[in-house]
Amino acid sequence: MSKFTPLANYCREQTLKEFELSFLKIEAIIESKLPGSAQRPQYWANVVNGTGPVRSAMRDTPYDTFLIAGSKRVRFERKY
């Protein structure tokens, strides 16, 4: 199980077209601190063949992830 599996499971339960989570909320969901690199857009990038920890866990969820620059928040947008 990946560190981000709980976040992926959380997203699978959502029905909203779009929602935002703070880093603090994400840390509570995954029960772990996010690394400093989480403040860079690339950490959350939706690369089709990406192998990063977030991308690997989120690949099969209905949401893409986008860092909201300078806010320590992530926007989740429904793909389908």
N, C-alpha and C. Protein backbone atom coordinates (compact mmCIF):
# COMPACT_ATOMS: atom_id res chain seq x y z
N MET A 1 0.85 -1.18 0.00
CA MET A 1 0.00 0.00 0.00
C MET A 1 0.89 1.24 0.00
N SER A 2 0.56 2.16 -0.87
CA SER A 2 1.28 3.43 -0.99
C SER A 2 0.87 4.38 0.14
N LYS A 3 1.75 5.29 0.44
CA LYS A 3 1.47 6.33 1.43
C LYS A 3 0.18 7.09 1.06
N PHE A 4 -0.09 7.20 -0.27
CA PHE A 4 -1.23 7.99 -0.73
C PHE A 4 -2.47 7.16 -1.03
N THR A 5 -2.45 5.88 -0.71
CA THR A 5 -3.64 5.04 -0.92
C THR A 5 -4.84 5.56 -0.13
N PRO A 6 -4.68 6.00 1.13
CA PRO A 6 -5.84 6.55 1.84
C PRO A 6 -6.42 7.79 1.15
N LEU A 7 -5.58 8.62 0.55
CA LEU A 7 -6.07 9.79 -0.18
C LEU A 7 -6.83 9.34 -1.43
N ALA A 8 -6.30 8.36 -2.13
CA ALA A 8 -6.99 7.84 -3.31
C ALA A 8 -8.35 7.26 -2.92
N ASN A 9 -8.40 6.53 -1.82
CA ASN A 9 -9.67 5.97 -1.36
C ASN A 9 -10.65 7.08 -0.98
N TYR A 10 -10.16 8.12 -0.33
CA TYR A 10 -10.98 9.27 0.02
C TYR A 10 -11.60 9.87 -1.24
N CYS A 11 -10.78 10.04 -2.27
CA CYS A 11 -11.25 10.64 -3.52
C CYS A 11 -12.29 9.76 -4.21
N ARG A 12 -12.13 8.47 -4.14
CA ARG A 12 -13.10 7.55 -4.77
C ARG A 12 -14.48 7.68 -4.13
N GLU A 13 -14.54 8.14 -2.89
CA GLU A 13 -15.81 8.30 -2.18
C GLU A 13 -16.50 9.62 -2.50
N GLN A 14 -15.80 10.55 -3.14
CA GLN A 14 -16.34 11.87 -3.39
C GLN A 14 -17.22 11.87 -4.65
N THR A 15 -18.19 12.77 -4.67
CA THR A 15 -19.07 12.89 -5.83
C THR A 15 -19.05 14.28 -6.46
N LEU A 16 -18.31 15.20 -5.85
CA LEU A 16 -18.26 16.57 -6.34
C LEU A 16 -17.47 16.66 -7.65
N LYS A 17 -17.81 17.65 -8.45
CA LYS A 17 -17.07 17.91 -9.69
C LYS A 17 -15.66 18.39 -9.36
N GLU A 18 -15.55 19.17 -8.31
CA GLU A 18 -14.27 19.76 -7.91
C GLU A 18 -14.31 20.04 -6.41
N PHE A 19 -13.17 19.86 -5.74
CA PHE A 19 -13.06 20.23 -4.34
C PHE A 19 -11.60 20.51 -4.02
N GLU A 20 -11.36 21.14 -2.88
CA GLU A 20 -10.00 21.47 -2.45
C GLU A 20 -9.76 20.87 -1.07
N LEU A 21 -8.50 20.50 -0.85
CA LEU A 21 -8.07 20.04 0.48
C LEU A 21 -6.81 20.79 0.86
N SER A 22 -6.71 21.17 2.11
CA SER A 22 -5.48 21.78 2.61
C SER A 22 -4.43 20.69 2.82
N PHE A 23 -3.19 21.10 2.88
CA PHE A 23 -2.12 20.15 3.19
C PHE A 23 -2.40 19.48 4.53
N LEU A 24 -2.90 20.25 5.50
CA LEU A 24 -3.20 19.68 6.82
C LEU A 24 -4.24 18.57 6.73
N LYS A 25 -5.27 18.78 5.92
CA LYS A 25 -6.31 17.76 5.75
C LYS A 25 -5.74 16.52 5.05
N ILE A 26 -4.91 16.75 4.02
CA ILE A 26 -4.29 15.62 3.31
C ILE A 26 -3.39 14.84 4.28
N GLU A 27 -2.63 15.55 5.10
CA GLU A 27 -1.76 14.89 6.08
C GLU A 27 -2.59 14.07 7.08
N ALA A 28 -3.75 14.57 7.45
CA ALA A 28 -4.62 13.82 8.36
C ALA A 28 -5.14 12.55 7.67
N ILE A 29 -5.48 12.66 6.40
CA ILE A 29 -5.99 11.51 5.65
C ILE A 29 -4.92 10.44 5.49
N ILE A 30 -3.70 10.86 5.14
CA ILE A 30 -2.63 9.88 4.89
C ILE A 30 -1.86 9.53 6.16
N GLU A 31 -2.18 10.23 7.27
CA GLU A 31 -1.53 10.01 8.57
C GLU A 31 -0.01 10.13 8.46
N SER A 32 0.43 11.15 7.73
CA SER A 32 1.86 11.39 7.54
C SER A 32 2.06 12.82 7.06
N LYS A 33 3.22 13.37 7.36
CA LYS A 33 3.56 14.71 6.88
C LYS A 33 3.90 14.66 5.40
N LEU A 34 3.51 15.70 4.67
CA LEU A 34 3.92 15.85 3.28
C LEU A 34 5.34 16.39 3.25
N PRO A 35 6.12 15.99 2.25
CA PRO A 35 7.49 16.52 2.15
C PRO A 35 7.46 17.97 1.66
N GLY A 36 8.56 18.67 1.84
CA GLY A 36 8.67 20.04 1.34
C GLY A 36 8.42 20.14 -0.15
N SER A 37 8.75 19.09 -0.88
CA SER A 37 8.55 19.10 -2.34
C SER A 37 7.08 19.13 -2.73
N ALA A 38 6.17 18.89 -1.78
CA ALA A 38 4.74 18.95 -2.08
C ALA A 38 4.29 20.37 -2.41
N GLN A 39 5.13 21.36 -2.11
CA GLN A 39 4.80 22.75 -2.43
C GLN A 39 5.16 23.11 -3.87
N ARG A 40 5.66 22.14 -4.63
CA ARG A 40 5.97 22.36 -6.05
C ARG A 40 4.88 21.73 -6.90
N PRO A 41 4.44 22.41 -7.95
CA PRO A 41 3.38 21.86 -8.81
C PRO A 41 3.70 20.48 -9.37
N GLN A 42 4.98 20.21 -9.64
CA GLN A 42 5.36 18.93 -10.22
C GLN A 42 5.01 17.75 -9.31
N TYR A 43 4.98 17.98 -8.02
CA TYR A 43 4.67 16.91 -7.07
C TYR A 43 3.26 16.36 -7.32
N TRP A 44 2.35 17.26 -7.72
CA TRP A 44 0.95 16.90 -7.91
C TRP A 44 0.59 16.72 -9.38
N ALA A 45 1.57 16.87 -10.27
CA ALA A 45 1.31 16.84 -11.72
C ALA A 45 0.63 15.55 -12.16
N ASN A 46 -0.27 15.70 -13.12
CA ASN A 46 -1.04 14.58 -13.63
C ASN A 46 -0.38 14.01 -14.88
N VAL A 47 0.82 13.51 -14.72
CA VAL A 47 1.57 12.94 -15.82
C VAL A 47 1.00 11.55 -16.12
N VAL A 48 0.64 11.32 -17.36
CA VAL A 48 -0.02 10.06 -17.73
C VAL A 48 0.77 8.84 -17.29
N ASN A 49 2.04 8.82 -17.57
CA ASN A 49 2.86 7.67 -17.19
C ASN A 49 3.74 7.97 -15.98
N GLY A 50 3.33 8.92 -15.18
CA GLY A 50 4.12 9.32 -14.03
C GLY A 50 4.27 8.21 -13.01
N THR A 51 5.39 8.22 -12.34
CA THR A 51 5.66 7.19 -11.34
C THR A 51 5.80 7.78 -9.94
N GLY A 52 5.54 9.07 -9.79
CA GLY A 52 5.63 9.69 -8.47
C GLY A 52 4.60 9.09 -7.53
N PRO A 53 4.78 9.27 -6.23
CA PRO A 53 3.88 8.63 -5.27
C PRO A 53 2.43 9.07 -5.37
N VAL A 54 2.20 10.36 -5.61
CA VAL A 54 0.82 10.84 -5.73
C VAL A 54 0.20 10.31 -7.02
N ARG A 55 0.92 10.46 -8.12
CA ARG A 55 0.38 10.04 -9.42
C ARG A 55 0.08 8.55 -9.45
N SER A 56 0.97 7.76 -8.89
CA SER A 56 0.75 6.31 -8.87
C SER A 56 -0.52 5.95 -8.09
N ALA A 57 -0.73 6.60 -6.96
CA ALA A 57 -1.91 6.30 -6.15
C ALA A 57 -3.19 6.85 -6.76
N MET A 58 -3.11 8.02 -7.39
CA MET A 58 -4.31 8.70 -7.90
C MET A 58 -4.71 8.27 -9.31
N ARG A 59 -3.88 7.53 -9.99
CA ARG A 59 -4.11 7.17 -11.39
C ARG A 59 -5.50 6.58 -11.63
N ASP A 60 -5.97 5.73 -10.75
CA ASP A 60 -7.25 5.05 -10.96
C ASP A 60 -8.42 5.69 -10.22
N THR A 61 -8.25 6.94 -9.84
CA THR A 61 -9.36 7.66 -9.18
C THR A 61 -10.03 8.57 -10.21
N PRO A 62 -11.21 9.08 -9.92
CA PRO A 62 -11.88 9.96 -10.87
C PRO A 62 -11.38 11.42 -10.83
N TYR A 63 -10.27 11.69 -10.14
CA TYR A 63 -9.80 13.06 -9.99
C TYR A 63 -8.37 13.27 -10.45
N ASP A 64 -8.13 14.45 -11.03
CA ASP A 64 -6.79 14.96 -11.29
C ASP A 64 -6.47 15.94 -10.16
N THR A 65 -5.18 16.08 -9.87
CA THR A 65 -4.75 16.94 -8.76
C THR A 65 -3.96 18.14 -9.28
N PHE A 66 -4.19 19.29 -8.65
CA PHE A 66 -3.53 20.53 -9.04
C PHE A 66 -3.17 21.32 -7.79
N LEU A 67 -1.90 21.64 -7.63
CA LEU A 67 -1.48 22.49 -6.53
C LEU A 67 -1.99 23.91 -6.77
N ILE A 68 -2.54 24.51 -5.74
CA ILE A 68 -2.93 25.92 -5.81
C ILE A 68 -1.72 26.69 -5.28
N ALA A 69 -0.99 27.29 -6.18
CA ALA A 69 0.30 27.91 -5.87
C ALA A 69 0.23 28.85 -4.67
N GLY A 70 1.19 28.68 -3.77
CA GLY A 70 1.33 29.57 -2.61
C GLY A 70 0.29 29.40 -1.53
N SER A 71 -0.55 28.37 -1.61
CA SER A 71 -1.64 28.27 -0.65
C SER A 71 -1.60 27.04 0.25
N LYS A 72 -0.71 26.09 -0.06
CA LYS A 72 -0.68 24.81 0.65
C LYS A 72 -2.05 24.14 0.59
N ARG A 73 -2.63 24.20 -0.62
CA ARG A 73 -3.92 23.57 -0.90
C ARG A 73 -3.83 22.87 -2.25
N VAL A 74 -4.61 21.82 -2.39
CA VAL A 74 -4.66 21.05 -3.63
C VAL A 74 -6.11 21.01 -4.12
N ARG A 75 -6.27 21.27 -5.42
CA ARG A 75 -7.60 21.20 -6.05
C ARG A 75 -7.72 19.84 -6.74
N PHE A 76 -8.84 19.20 -6.56
CA PHE A 76 -9.15 17.93 -7.17
C PHE A 76 -10.27 18.15 -8.18
N GLU A 77 -10.02 17.87 -9.44
CA GLU A 77 -11.00 18.06 -10.51
C GLU A 77 -11.39 16.71 -11.09
N ARG A 78 -12.67 16.49 -11.20
CA ARG A 78 -13.20 15.22 -11.70
C ARG A 78 -12.83 15.04 -13.17
N LYS A 79 -12.31 13.87 -13.51
CA LYS A 79 -11.94 13.53 -14.89
C LYS A 79 -13.12 12.92 -15.63
N TYR A 80 -13.96 12.19 -14.92
CA TYR A 80 -15.10 11.51 -15.54
C TYR A 80 -16.23 11.37 -14.56
